[in-house]
N, C-alpha and C. Protein backbone atom coordinates (compact mmCIF):
# COMPACT_ATOMS: atom_id res chain seq x y z
N UNK A 1 147.00 219.44 187.27
CA UNK A 1 148.13 219.76 187.94
C UNK A 1 149.10 218.42 188.27
N UNK A 2 149.94 218.61 187.59
CA UNK A 2 151.06 217.08 187.41
C UNK A 2 151.17 216.93 188.76
N UNK A 3 151.09 215.09 188.98
CA UNK A 3 151.77 214.46 190.19
C UNK A 3 152.96 213.64 189.57
N UNK A 4 153.74 213.78 190.30
CA UNK A 4 155.17 213.60 190.04
C UNK A 4 155.52 212.28 191.44
N UNK A 5 156.29 211.01 190.71
CA UNK A 5 156.68 210.70 192.01
C UNK A 5 158.01 210.38 191.49
N UNK A 6 159.15 210.30 192.57
CA UNK A 6 161.24 210.10 191.86
C UNK A 6 161.10 209.31 192.99
N UNK A 7 161.56 208.01 192.59
CA UNK A 7 162.35 207.11 193.58
C UNK A 7 163.63 207.68 194.12
N UNK A 8 164.30 208.04 195.27
CA UNK A 8 166.06 207.79 195.05
C UNK A 8 165.76 209.98 195.35
N UNK A 9 165.21 210.91 196.14
CA UNK A 9 164.45 211.88 195.64
C UNK A 9 165.25 212.62 196.66
N UNK A 10 165.72 212.14 198.00
CA UNK A 10 166.42 212.79 198.49
C UNK A 10 167.82 213.37 198.86
N UNK A 11 168.23 213.27 197.96
CA UNK A 11 169.35 213.71 197.80
C UNK A 11 169.99 213.77 196.20
N UNK A 12 170.96 214.55 195.46
CA UNK A 12 171.60 214.45 194.66
C UNK A 12 170.39 214.62 193.19
N UNK A 13 171.08 213.82 192.15
CA UNK A 13 170.17 214.06 191.04
C UNK A 13 168.95 213.68 191.38
N UNK A 14 168.12 213.02 191.87
CA UNK A 14 166.60 213.23 192.50
C UNK A 14 166.16 214.12 193.40
N UNK A 15 166.91 214.78 194.36
CA UNK A 15 166.37 216.17 194.55
C UNK A 15 166.44 216.89 193.77
N UNK A 16 167.70 217.76 192.80
CA UNK A 16 167.17 218.36 192.72
C UNK A 16 166.49 218.30 191.35
N UNK A 17 165.77 216.79 190.68
CA UNK A 17 164.47 216.71 189.88
C UNK A 17 163.59 217.03 190.55
N UNK A 18 163.82 217.17 191.75
CA UNK A 18 162.21 217.45 191.98
C UNK A 18 162.02 218.60 192.96
N UNK A 19 163.78 219.88 192.56
CA UNK A 19 163.51 220.63 193.03
C UNK A 19 162.91 221.34 191.60
N UNK A 20 163.55 221.10 190.57
CA UNK A 20 163.59 221.97 189.52
C UNK A 20 161.54 221.51 189.13
N UNK A 21 161.35 219.97 188.88
CA UNK A 21 159.71 220.66 188.94
C UNK A 21 158.68 220.78 189.84
N UNK A 22 159.09 220.80 190.86
CA UNK A 22 157.85 221.53 192.11
C UNK A 22 158.11 223.53 191.30
N UNK A 23 159.51 223.44 191.02
CA UNK A 23 159.21 224.94 190.47
C UNK A 23 158.44 224.67 189.05
N UNK A 24 158.26 223.80 188.61
CA UNK A 24 157.95 223.93 186.87
C UNK A 24 155.87 223.91 187.48
N UNK A 25 155.43 223.57 188.23
CA UNK A 25 154.45 223.19 189.00
C UNK A 25 153.74 221.96 189.23
N UNK A 26 154.79 220.98 189.25
CA UNK A 26 154.40 219.52 189.50
C UNK A 26 153.97 219.13 190.79
N UNK A 27 152.96 218.85 191.75
CA UNK A 27 153.32 217.75 192.81
C UNK A 27 154.35 217.15 193.07
N UNK A 28 155.05 216.90 194.03
CA UNK A 28 156.01 216.15 193.73
C UNK A 28 156.16 215.03 194.93
N UNK A 29 156.02 213.97 194.74
CA UNK A 29 156.55 213.08 196.09
C UNK A 29 157.47 212.57 195.90
N UNK A 30 158.30 212.69 197.01
CA UNK A 30 159.39 212.04 197.88
C UNK A 30 159.92 210.97 198.31
N UNK A 31 160.69 210.59 197.37
CA UNK A 31 160.42 208.47 197.63
C UNK A 31 161.89 208.49 197.44
N UNK A 32 161.87 207.39 199.34
CA UNK A 32 163.58 207.52 199.30
C UNK A 32 163.26 206.56 200.67
N UNK A 33 164.63 205.66 200.26
CA UNK A 33 164.88 204.39 201.70
C UNK A 33 164.36 204.61 203.14
N UNK A 34 165.57 205.87 203.55
CA UNK A 34 165.84 206.44 203.98
C UNK A 34 164.95 207.85 205.26
N UNK A 35 164.36 206.99 205.87
CA UNK A 35 163.07 207.62 206.40
C UNK A 35 163.49 209.15 206.86
N UNK A 36 164.71 209.16 207.65
CA UNK A 36 164.57 210.90 207.88
C UNK A 36 165.78 211.63 206.89
N UNK A 37 165.98 211.14 206.45
CA UNK A 37 167.16 212.23 205.33
C UNK A 37 165.69 212.15 203.88
N UNK A 38 165.36 211.34 204.26
CA UNK A 38 163.23 211.90 203.37
C UNK A 38 162.53 212.27 203.85
N UNK A 39 162.50 212.43 204.66
CA UNK A 39 161.61 213.59 205.68
C UNK A 39 162.08 214.73 205.19
N UNK A 40 163.71 215.01 206.12
CA UNK A 40 164.24 216.38 205.75
C UNK A 40 164.22 217.02 203.71
N UNK A 41 164.58 215.99 203.26
CA UNK A 41 164.42 216.76 201.58
C UNK A 41 162.95 216.77 201.14
N UNK A 42 161.88 216.56 202.13
CA UNK A 42 160.14 216.73 201.75
C UNK A 42 160.56 218.16 202.06
N UNK A 43 160.73 218.14 203.44
CA UNK A 43 160.84 218.87 204.12
C UNK A 43 161.28 220.55 203.46
N UNK A 44 162.52 220.50 203.45
CA UNK A 44 162.94 221.10 202.66
C UNK A 44 162.50 222.06 201.38
N UNK A 45 161.98 220.99 200.67
CA UNK A 45 161.53 221.20 199.27
C UNK A 45 159.98 221.35 199.14
N UNK A 46 159.13 221.48 200.40
CA UNK A 46 157.81 221.78 200.09
C UNK A 46 157.27 220.47 199.70
N UNK A 47 157.17 219.46 199.28
CA UNK A 47 157.10 218.10 198.87
C UNK A 47 156.27 217.03 200.10
N UNK A 48 155.58 215.94 199.88
CA UNK A 48 155.39 214.98 200.44
C UNK A 48 156.11 213.77 200.54
N UNK A 49 156.79 213.71 201.67
CA UNK A 49 157.78 212.04 201.70
C UNK A 49 156.70 211.08 201.05
N UNK A 50 157.17 209.87 200.64
CA UNK A 50 156.81 208.41 200.97
C UNK A 50 157.70 207.49 201.02
N UNK A 51 158.27 207.00 201.77
CA UNK A 51 159.25 205.56 201.98
C UNK A 51 158.85 205.12 201.03
N UNK A 52 160.39 204.96 200.29
CA UNK A 52 160.02 202.90 199.63
C UNK A 52 161.43 202.25 199.43
N UNK A 53 161.81 201.67 199.96
CA UNK A 53 162.74 200.83 198.95
C UNK A 53 162.09 200.63 198.15
N UNK A 54 163.36 200.77 196.50
CA UNK A 54 163.10 199.59 195.70
C UNK A 54 163.23 198.14 195.31
N UNK A 55 164.29 197.94 196.45
CA UNK A 55 164.57 196.42 196.09
C UNK A 55 163.85 195.51 197.16
N UNK A 56 162.49 196.09 197.72
CA UNK A 56 161.85 194.88 198.58
C UNK A 56 160.04 195.06 198.63
N UNK A 57 159.93 194.40 197.88
CA UNK A 57 158.32 194.19 197.36
C UNK A 57 157.17 194.95 198.32
N UNK A 58 156.98 194.62 199.44
CA UNK A 58 156.48 195.09 200.53
C UNK A 58 156.62 196.32 200.83
N UNK A 59 157.41 197.30 200.21
CA UNK A 59 157.86 198.70 200.36
C UNK A 59 157.80 198.72 199.37
N UNK A 60 157.50 198.46 198.44
CA UNK A 60 157.01 199.40 197.17
C UNK A 60 155.61 199.38 196.52
N UNK A 61 154.74 197.84 196.88
CA UNK A 61 153.12 198.09 197.21
C UNK A 61 152.78 199.09 198.28
N UNK A 62 153.72 199.24 199.44
CA UNK A 62 153.39 200.01 200.84
C UNK A 62 152.97 201.77 200.26
N UNK A 63 154.14 201.84 199.30
CA UNK A 63 154.00 203.20 198.69
C UNK A 63 153.68 203.41 197.75
N UNK A 64 153.30 202.81 196.51
CA UNK A 64 151.47 202.32 195.57
C UNK A 64 150.54 202.45 196.41
N UNK A 65 150.69 201.93 197.38
CA UNK A 65 148.85 201.52 198.33
C UNK A 65 148.92 203.35 198.99
N UNK A 66 150.25 203.45 199.09
CA UNK A 66 150.35 204.97 200.31
C UNK A 66 149.96 206.33 199.06
N UNK A 67 150.54 206.00 197.65
CA UNK A 67 150.14 207.50 197.08
C UNK A 67 148.52 207.26 196.42
N UNK A 68 148.20 205.70 196.30
CA UNK A 68 146.69 206.17 196.10
C UNK A 68 145.85 206.38 196.91
N UNK A 69 145.98 206.54 198.20
CA UNK A 69 145.23 206.96 199.01
C UNK A 69 145.14 208.06 199.36
N UNK A 70 146.58 209.18 198.90
CA UNK A 70 146.53 210.26 199.07
C UNK A 70 146.16 210.72 197.68
N UNK A 71 146.77 210.69 197.34
CA UNK A 71 146.88 211.18 196.24
C UNK A 71 146.14 210.88 194.59
N UNK A 72 146.19 209.82 194.47
CA UNK A 72 144.78 209.15 193.88
C UNK A 72 145.44 208.12 192.20
N UNK A 73 146.45 209.34 192.08
CA UNK A 73 146.70 208.95 190.69
C UNK A 73 148.56 209.67 191.32
N UNK A 74 149.01 209.14 189.26
CA UNK A 74 150.82 209.91 189.92
C UNK A 74 150.67 209.79 188.06
N UNK A 75 151.01 211.29 187.28
CA UNK A 75 151.14 211.38 186.51
C UNK A 75 153.01 211.08 185.41
N UNK A 76 153.83 211.11 186.15
CA UNK A 76 154.71 210.94 185.91
C UNK A 76 155.68 210.14 186.56
N UNK A 77 155.85 208.73 186.57
CA UNK A 77 156.98 208.47 187.29
C UNK A 77 158.69 208.10 187.27
N UNK A 78 159.66 209.11 187.97
CA UNK A 78 160.61 209.19 187.96
C UNK A 78 161.27 207.64 188.22
N UNK A 79 161.91 206.52 187.99
CA UNK A 79 162.91 206.44 188.17
C UNK A 79 164.51 206.72 188.81
N UNK A 80 164.23 206.65 189.43
CA UNK A 80 166.02 207.56 189.32
C UNK A 80 166.57 206.79 190.33
N UNK A 81 166.23 205.73 191.97
CA UNK A 81 166.93 205.46 192.55
C UNK A 81 168.26 204.48 192.06
N UNK A 82 168.69 204.29 192.75
CA UNK A 82 170.66 203.30 191.35
C UNK A 82 171.33 203.16 193.28
N UNK A 83 172.22 202.21 192.50
CA UNK A 83 173.24 202.11 193.25
C UNK A 83 174.88 201.58 192.69
N UNK A 84 176.16 202.17 192.77
CA UNK A 84 177.01 202.07 192.03
C UNK A 84 177.67 200.58 191.72
N UNK A 85 177.13 200.12 192.93
CA UNK A 85 177.83 198.54 193.47
C UNK A 85 179.32 198.80 194.17
N UNK A 86 180.06 197.63 193.97
CA UNK A 86 181.24 197.90 194.67
C UNK A 86 182.15 197.73 194.36
N UNK A 87 183.12 199.02 194.25
CA UNK A 87 184.07 199.58 193.61
C UNK A 87 185.74 198.40 193.92
N UNK A 88 185.75 197.05 193.07
CA UNK A 88 186.71 196.49 193.06
C UNK A 88 186.85 195.98 192.01
N UNK A 89 188.04 195.17 191.91
CA UNK A 89 188.19 194.50 190.29
C UNK A 89 187.79 193.96 189.63
N UNK A 90 187.40 193.75 188.98
CA UNK A 90 186.77 192.90 187.92
C UNK A 90 186.53 191.53 188.29
N UNK A 91 188.02 190.54 187.93
CA UNK A 91 187.64 189.91 188.82
C UNK A 91 187.91 189.25 190.34
N UNK A 92 187.14 190.48 190.85
CA UNK A 92 186.84 189.90 192.66
C UNK A 92 185.50 190.00 192.40
N UNK A 93 185.03 190.70 191.61
CA UNK A 93 183.82 190.55 191.74
C UNK A 93 182.84 189.26 191.30
N UNK A 94 181.75 188.99 192.42
CA UNK A 94 181.07 187.73 192.89
C UNK A 94 179.49 187.69 191.80
N UNK A 95 178.86 186.67 191.57
CA UNK A 95 177.27 186.61 191.46
C UNK A 95 176.58 187.17 192.61
N UNK A 96 177.31 187.35 193.85
CA UNK A 96 175.73 188.08 194.92
C UNK A 96 176.02 189.81 194.94
N UNK A 97 177.22 190.39 193.80
CA UNK A 97 177.48 191.58 193.66
C UNK A 97 176.29 192.00 192.24
N UNK A 98 176.85 191.32 192.16
CA UNK A 98 175.93 191.16 190.27
C UNK A 98 174.50 191.60 190.65
N UNK A 99 173.68 190.03 191.35
CA UNK A 99 172.92 189.89 192.10
C UNK A 99 172.63 191.91 192.71
N UNK A 100 173.27 192.04 193.49
CA UNK A 100 172.95 193.28 194.29
C UNK A 100 172.32 194.59 193.29
N UNK A 101 173.55 194.94 192.15
CA UNK A 101 173.34 195.74 191.03
C UNK A 101 171.94 195.48 190.85
N UNK A 102 171.66 194.48 190.21
CA UNK A 102 170.83 194.32 189.14
C UNK A 102 169.53 194.29 190.03
N UNK A 103 169.24 194.08 191.67
CA UNK A 103 168.04 194.04 191.83
C UNK A 103 167.71 195.35 192.18
N UNK A 104 168.75 196.61 192.13
CA UNK A 104 167.80 197.88 192.66
C UNK A 104 168.02 198.45 191.32
N UNK A 105 169.25 198.15 190.78
CA UNK A 105 169.24 199.45 189.37
C UNK A 105 167.64 198.39 188.26
N UNK A 106 167.78 197.52 188.07
CA UNK A 106 166.81 197.11 187.04
C UNK A 106 165.75 196.16 187.82
N UNK A 107 165.72 195.27 188.60
CA UNK A 107 164.86 194.58 188.87
C UNK A 107 163.62 195.74 189.94
N UNK A 108 164.48 196.37 190.39
CA UNK A 108 163.79 197.82 190.88
C UNK A 108 162.94 198.47 190.28
N UNK A 109 163.72 199.07 189.42
CA UNK A 109 162.55 199.97 188.04
C UNK A 109 161.32 198.30 187.61
N UNK A 110 161.34 197.77 187.51
CA UNK A 110 160.14 196.49 187.13
C UNK A 110 159.26 196.86 188.65
N UNK A 111 159.43 196.71 189.84
CA UNK A 111 159.00 196.37 191.02
C UNK A 111 157.76 197.46 190.96
N UNK A 112 159.06 198.69 191.25
CA UNK A 112 158.18 199.96 190.86
C UNK A 112 156.98 200.45 189.67
N UNK A 113 158.08 200.26 188.44
CA UNK A 113 156.63 199.54 187.45
C UNK A 113 155.71 199.37 187.49
N UNK A 114 155.26 198.00 187.85
CA UNK A 114 154.77 197.34 188.18
C UNK A 114 153.19 197.66 189.09
N UNK A 115 153.99 198.69 190.20
CA UNK A 115 153.11 198.62 191.31
C UNK A 115 152.63 200.24 190.93
N UNK A 116 152.91 201.00 189.97
CA UNK A 116 152.58 202.32 189.83
C UNK A 116 152.20 202.52 188.60
N UNK A 117 152.12 201.59 187.71
CA UNK A 117 150.34 201.69 186.22
C UNK A 117 149.60 201.46 187.06
N UNK A 118 149.01 200.93 187.64
CA UNK A 118 147.38 201.16 187.52
C UNK A 118 147.55 202.62 188.04
N UNK A 119 148.43 203.08 189.08
CA UNK A 119 147.94 205.20 189.08
C UNK A 119 148.30 206.06 187.57
N UNK A 120 149.31 204.73 187.29
CA UNK A 120 149.75 205.98 185.97
C UNK A 120 148.80 206.15 184.92
N UNK A 121 147.94 205.03 184.67
CA UNK A 121 146.50 204.75 184.03
C UNK A 121 145.85 205.49 184.05
N UNK A 122 145.44 206.23 185.12
CA UNK A 122 144.13 206.95 185.97
C UNK A 122 144.73 208.51 185.05
N UNK A 123 145.95 208.88 184.77
CA UNK A 123 145.97 209.71 183.93
C UNK A 123 146.15 209.96 182.58
N UNK A 124 145.61 211.31 182.40
CA UNK A 124 145.41 211.55 180.77
C UNK A 124 146.67 211.30 180.20
N UNK A 125 147.84 211.41 180.62
CA UNK A 125 148.77 211.61 180.33
C UNK A 125 150.58 211.13 180.96
N UNK A 126 150.40 209.84 180.86
CA UNK A 126 150.92 209.70 181.82
C UNK A 126 153.00 209.09 180.96
N UNK A 127 153.44 208.69 181.80
CA UNK A 127 155.21 208.99 181.43
C UNK A 127 156.09 208.69 182.71
N UNK A 128 156.45 207.79 181.96
CA UNK A 128 158.34 207.14 182.97
C UNK A 128 159.24 207.21 181.74
N UNK A 129 159.60 208.29 183.50
CA UNK A 129 161.25 208.58 183.43
C UNK A 129 162.27 207.67 183.75
N UNK A 130 163.23 206.35 182.80
CA UNK A 130 163.96 205.73 183.66
C UNK A 130 166.03 206.66 183.73
N UNK A 131 166.30 206.95 184.99
CA UNK A 131 167.24 207.33 184.88
C UNK A 131 168.26 206.45 184.48
N UNK A 132 168.84 206.36 183.58
CA UNK A 132 169.95 205.20 182.53
C UNK A 132 171.52 205.95 183.23
N UNK A 133 172.66 205.54 182.24
CA UNK A 133 173.62 206.17 181.73
C UNK A 133 174.24 205.80 180.82
N UNK A 134 175.66 207.10 180.17
CA UNK A 134 176.41 206.15 179.11
C UNK A 134 176.88 205.55 179.73
N UNK A 135 177.05 205.00 180.61
CA UNK A 135 178.27 203.40 180.89
C UNK A 135 177.65 202.56 180.22
N UNK A 136 176.24 202.63 180.04
CA UNK A 136 174.99 201.63 179.98
C UNK A 136 174.97 201.15 178.26
N UNK A 137 175.84 202.06 177.14
CA UNK A 137 176.01 202.60 176.03
C UNK A 137 177.09 202.38 175.24
N UNK A 138 176.91 200.72 173.93
CA UNK A 138 177.90 200.51 173.12
C UNK A 138 178.65 201.55 172.64
N UNK A 139 178.17 202.50 172.39
CA UNK A 139 178.92 203.22 171.18
C UNK A 139 179.26 204.40 172.34
N UNK A 140 179.30 204.97 173.83
CA UNK A 140 179.70 205.64 174.43
C UNK A 140 181.02 205.31 174.78
N UNK A 141 180.75 203.99 175.46
CA UNK A 141 182.11 203.35 175.89
C UNK A 141 183.26 203.11 175.04
N UNK A 142 182.52 202.78 173.52
CA UNK A 142 183.57 202.69 172.79
C UNK A 142 184.18 204.06 172.27
N UNK A 143 183.36 204.61 172.46
CA UNK A 143 184.07 206.49 171.49
C UNK A 143 185.18 207.14 172.52
N UNK A 144 186.03 206.93 172.29
CA UNK A 144 187.71 207.55 173.25
C UNK A 144 187.27 208.81 173.59
N UNK A 145 186.71 209.45 172.75
CA UNK A 145 186.39 210.70 173.32
C UNK A 145 184.75 211.09 174.63
N UNK A 146 184.77 210.09 174.75
CA UNK A 146 183.80 210.62 175.83
C UNK A 146 184.26 209.89 177.19
N UNK A 147 184.04 210.26 178.08
CA UNK A 147 184.81 209.73 179.51
C UNK A 147 184.16 208.86 179.51
N UNK A 148 182.93 208.04 179.41
CA UNK A 148 182.44 206.33 179.68
C UNK A 148 183.50 205.58 178.84
N UNK A 149 184.24 205.45 178.25
CA UNK A 149 185.30 205.03 177.37
C UNK A 149 187.08 204.72 178.37
N UNK A 150 186.79 205.64 179.62
CA UNK A 150 187.78 205.63 180.13
C UNK A 150 188.24 204.95 181.56
N UNK A 151 186.89 204.53 181.61
CA UNK A 151 187.11 203.60 183.19
C UNK A 151 186.60 202.42 182.90
N UNK A 152 187.07 200.85 183.62
CA UNK A 152 185.35 200.00 183.19
C UNK A 152 184.48 200.15 184.90
N UNK A 153 183.03 199.38 184.44
CA UNK A 153 182.38 199.46 185.86
C UNK A 153 181.44 198.52 185.24
N UNK A 154 182.00 196.77 185.53
CA UNK A 154 181.26 196.16 185.02
C UNK A 154 179.55 195.68 185.37
N UNK A 155 179.58 195.72 186.57
CA UNK A 155 178.43 195.89 186.92
C UNK A 155 177.19 196.82 186.50
N UNK A 156 177.68 198.37 186.75
CA UNK A 156 177.00 199.29 187.21
C UNK A 156 176.40 199.22 185.56
N UNK A 157 177.39 199.45 184.45
CA UNK A 157 177.00 199.73 183.62
C UNK A 157 176.24 198.62 182.40
N UNK A 158 176.46 196.75 183.09
CA UNK A 158 175.99 196.46 182.25
C UNK A 158 174.55 196.79 182.61
N UNK A 159 174.25 196.98 183.96
CA UNK A 159 172.96 196.85 184.45
C UNK A 159 172.63 198.41 184.32
N UNK A 160 172.87 199.01 183.67
CA UNK A 160 172.13 200.37 182.96
C UNK A 160 172.30 200.47 181.57
N UNK A 161 172.99 198.92 180.48
CA UNK A 161 172.77 198.81 179.55
C UNK A 161 171.56 198.02 179.55
N UNK A 162 171.04 197.18 180.42
CA UNK A 162 169.60 196.41 180.94
C UNK A 162 168.69 197.45 181.13
N UNK A 163 169.33 197.90 181.92
CA UNK A 163 167.67 199.33 181.99
C UNK A 163 167.48 199.94 180.81
N UNK A 164 168.36 199.95 179.78
CA UNK A 164 168.12 201.46 178.93
C UNK A 164 167.24 199.87 177.78
N UNK A 165 167.55 199.07 177.66
CA UNK A 165 167.07 198.59 177.21
C UNK A 165 165.38 197.67 177.97
N UNK A 166 165.50 197.99 178.49
CA UNK A 166 163.80 197.97 179.78
C UNK A 166 163.13 198.98 178.25
N UNK A 167 163.71 199.70 178.92
CA UNK A 167 163.01 201.24 178.90
C UNK A 167 162.38 201.39 176.98
N UNK A 168 162.99 200.24 176.40
CA UNK A 168 162.52 200.34 175.01
C UNK A 168 161.44 199.59 174.54
N UNK A 169 161.69 198.08 175.90
CA UNK A 169 160.84 197.42 175.33
C UNK A 169 159.79 197.67 176.41
N UNK A 170 159.56 198.58 177.30
CA UNK A 170 158.69 198.52 177.84
C UNK A 170 157.63 199.57 177.03
N UNK A 171 158.57 200.43 176.24
CA UNK A 171 157.69 201.58 175.24
C UNK A 171 156.92 200.73 174.46
N UNK A 172 157.63 199.61 173.97
CA UNK A 172 156.79 199.21 172.59
C UNK A 172 155.87 198.37 173.47
N UNK A 173 156.22 197.87 174.49
CA UNK A 173 154.72 196.97 175.09
C UNK A 173 153.72 197.42 176.22
N UNK A 174 153.83 198.99 176.12
CA UNK A 174 153.39 199.79 177.36
C UNK A 174 153.17 200.73 176.14
N UNK A 175 152.05 201.13 175.12
CA UNK A 175 151.56 202.02 174.06
C UNK A 175 151.13 203.31 174.79
N UNK A 176 150.25 203.27 175.37
CA UNK A 176 149.05 203.74 176.07
C UNK A 176 150.21 204.47 177.25
N UNK A 177 151.85 204.63 177.54
CA UNK A 177 152.52 205.62 178.98
C UNK A 177 154.16 205.17 177.81
N UNK A 178 154.19 206.99 177.80
CA UNK A 178 155.64 207.03 177.54
C UNK A 178 156.43 206.81 178.17
N UNK A 179 157.34 205.77 177.81
CA UNK A 179 158.72 205.25 178.83
C UNK A 179 159.71 206.09 178.19
N UNK A 180 160.70 206.66 178.00
CA UNK A 180 161.91 206.79 178.51
C UNK A 180 162.52 207.23 179.06
N UNK A 181 164.23 206.65 178.63
CA UNK A 181 165.47 206.77 179.46
C UNK A 181 166.20 207.71 179.36
N UNK A 182 167.00 208.92 180.05
CA UNK A 182 167.63 209.95 180.65
C UNK A 182 168.84 209.94 181.02
N UNK A 183 170.04 209.74 180.29
CA UNK A 183 171.41 209.80 180.98
C UNK A 183 171.66 211.18 181.21
N UNK A 184 171.99 211.70 182.53
CA UNK A 184 172.41 212.55 183.40
C UNK A 184 173.95 212.89 182.69
N UNK A 185 174.45 211.73 182.67
CA UNK A 185 175.89 212.25 181.65
C UNK A 185 176.50 212.66 183.39
N UNK A 186 178.13 212.58 183.35
CA UNK A 186 179.33 212.75 184.60
C UNK A 186 179.17 214.39 185.19
N UNK A 187 178.13 213.62 186.12
CA UNK A 187 178.31 214.73 186.91
C UNK A 187 178.39 215.06 188.25
N UNK A 188 179.19 216.14 189.17
CA UNK A 188 179.15 215.44 190.15
C UNK A 188 177.78 215.79 191.53
N UNK A 189 177.96 214.92 191.96
CA UNK A 189 177.09 213.95 193.08
C UNK A 189 177.88 213.14 193.37
N UNK A 190 177.41 212.87 195.05
CA UNK A 190 177.91 212.44 196.42
C UNK A 190 178.05 210.47 195.32
N UNK A 191 177.28 210.05 194.25
CA UNK A 191 177.49 209.02 193.59
C UNK A 191 179.24 208.75 193.24
N UNK A 192 180.05 209.82 192.73
CA UNK A 192 181.48 209.29 192.30
C UNK A 192 182.16 210.82 192.85
N UNK A 193 182.08 211.04 194.14
CA UNK A 193 182.66 211.76 195.26
C UNK A 193 182.70 213.24 194.45
N UNK A 194 181.78 213.23 193.86
CA UNK A 194 181.73 215.15 193.25
C UNK A 194 182.86 215.46 192.36
N UNK A 195 182.90 213.82 191.45
CA UNK A 195 184.16 214.19 190.28
C UNK A 195 184.04 214.79 189.10
N UNK A 196 182.27 214.84 188.77
CA UNK A 196 182.13 215.37 187.22
C UNK A 196 182.21 216.62 187.11
N UNK A 197 182.22 217.43 185.85
CA UNK A 197 182.19 217.86 185.50
C UNK A 197 181.29 218.89 185.70
N UNK A 198 179.67 218.32 185.79
CA UNK A 198 178.61 219.13 185.60
C UNK A 198 178.18 219.28 186.44
N UNK A 199 177.39 220.59 186.65
CA UNK A 199 176.34 220.43 187.71
C UNK A 199 175.30 219.38 188.10
N UNK A 200 174.89 219.25 188.70
CA UNK A 200 173.29 218.74 189.02
C UNK A 200 172.30 219.32 188.62
N UNK A 201 171.73 220.63 187.82
CA UNK A 201 171.14 221.47 187.06
C UNK A 201 171.27 220.93 185.50
N UNK A 202 172.84 220.64 185.34
CA UNK A 202 172.52 220.56 184.27
C UNK A 202 172.90 218.64 183.91
N UNK A 203 173.07 217.54 184.91
CA UNK A 203 173.01 216.49 185.14
C UNK A 203 171.14 216.00 184.51
N UNK A 204 170.84 216.87 185.42
CA UNK A 204 169.08 216.73 185.56
C UNK A 204 168.16 217.45 184.37
N UNK A 205 168.83 218.10 183.21
CA UNK A 205 168.48 218.49 182.47
C UNK A 205 167.11 216.99 181.30
N UNK A 206 167.87 216.27 181.39
CA UNK A 206 167.46 215.48 180.23
C UNK A 206 166.17 214.91 181.26
N UNK A 207 166.36 214.18 182.54
CA UNK A 207 164.77 213.85 183.39
C UNK A 207 163.85 214.96 183.20
N UNK A 208 164.61 216.46 183.45
CA UNK A 208 163.48 217.18 183.30
C UNK A 208 162.40 217.42 182.31
N UNK A 209 163.31 217.19 180.84
CA UNK A 209 162.82 217.38 179.73
C UNK A 209 161.67 216.36 179.60
N UNK A 210 162.42 214.91 179.84
CA UNK A 210 161.64 213.97 179.68
C UNK A 210 160.11 213.77 180.57
N UNK A 211 160.70 214.15 182.28
CA UNK A 211 159.42 214.37 182.80
C UNK A 211 158.39 215.57 182.19
N UNK A 212 158.68 216.19 181.53
CA UNK A 212 157.97 217.04 181.22
C UNK A 212 156.78 217.37 180.13
N UNK A 213 157.24 215.98 179.47
CA UNK A 213 156.63 216.08 178.44
C UNK A 213 154.66 216.15 177.74
N UNK A 214 154.28 216.34 176.97
CA UNK A 214 153.08 216.58 176.53
C UNK A 214 152.70 214.98 175.82
N UNK A 215 151.39 214.94 175.46
CA UNK A 215 150.19 213.95 174.65
C UNK A 215 151.65 213.25 173.64
N UNK A 216 151.92 215.04 172.70
CA UNK A 216 152.65 214.46 171.67
C UNK A 216 153.94 213.89 171.89
N UNK A 217 154.81 213.85 173.22
CA UNK A 217 156.35 213.33 173.50
C UNK A 217 155.78 212.42 172.82
N UNK A 218 157.90 212.56 172.90
CA UNK A 218 158.71 210.75 172.25
C UNK A 218 157.64 209.74 173.09
N UNK A 219 158.49 208.77 172.51
CA UNK A 219 158.07 207.52 173.76
C UNK A 219 159.65 206.51 173.34
N UNK A 220 160.40 205.62 174.11
CA UNK A 220 161.27 204.67 173.66
C UNK A 220 162.88 205.53 173.62
N UNK A 221 162.37 207.00 173.01
CA UNK A 221 163.68 207.19 173.04
C UNK A 221 165.27 207.37 174.77
N UNK A 222 166.28 207.72 174.59
CA UNK A 222 167.76 207.76 175.66
C UNK A 222 167.97 209.15 175.09
N UNK A 223 168.11 209.90 176.05
CA UNK A 223 168.42 211.24 176.05
C UNK A 223 169.15 211.66 176.86
N UNK A 224 170.37 212.52 176.39
CA UNK A 224 170.95 213.22 177.97
C UNK A 224 170.65 214.84 176.98
N UNK A 225 171.54 215.74 177.86
CA UNK A 225 170.89 217.27 177.75
C UNK A 225 171.27 217.80 176.71
N UNK A 226 172.35 217.05 175.44
CA UNK A 226 171.93 217.55 174.35
C UNK A 226 171.17 216.66 173.22
N UNK A 227 170.57 215.44 173.94
CA UNK A 227 169.74 215.15 172.80
C UNK A 227 169.49 213.87 172.84
N UNK A 228 169.33 213.11 171.82
CA UNK A 228 168.48 211.52 171.70
C UNK A 228 170.23 210.75 171.23
N UNK A 229 170.36 209.69 172.23
CA UNK A 229 171.22 209.39 172.48
C UNK A 229 171.50 208.28 171.40
N UNK A 230 172.91 207.32 171.11
CA UNK A 230 173.45 206.76 170.41
C UNK A 230 173.16 205.63 171.19
N UNK A 231 172.75 203.84 170.69
CA UNK A 231 173.09 203.12 171.97
C UNK A 231 173.75 201.63 171.55
């Protein structure tokens, strides 16, 4: 039985990832900041809700302690929680705006990974999947044929670029854990006002694939639903 913890799992890509992994036989723990929405999502999925705010040290520590007391181990950690940040012109963005976005999208992943590593190391096949974005890829944002090159998002894109590098460095520094990054692609979610052309099922293909790898699976990769991405 594979036990999987997903942050930001109460809606959109996180919820669909949870649904698909439950269907594949995983025991899924729905992590969410909003208790009411998190419990409702977990109840609908037939999963267990664990409150977690990835921007709060005490909340993350409490979530890890909760899982340690109930499940005792985690096989797969999906760092899905993220924010887009303020939608303002680049010359109006402030240091506080940047700190807020990076605190969730990058520092939050460090918080959760640090807290859950002891639980992951109790698994015979520990796996971490960080939900990144093609918006953080130099290759994608400079390719005129890709949607990522068509609009600026300085803080979000920079945070996802940092997350992809964090993934690569964790993969190198933690040889006992498989650590990969997934790009959902431009998917119709609440995150973008449901403007993306992909369904949430298509958007979670890479996440589900990487969450399902075996002992001989890859580490340090950045993938979308079509394969390995240039970064």
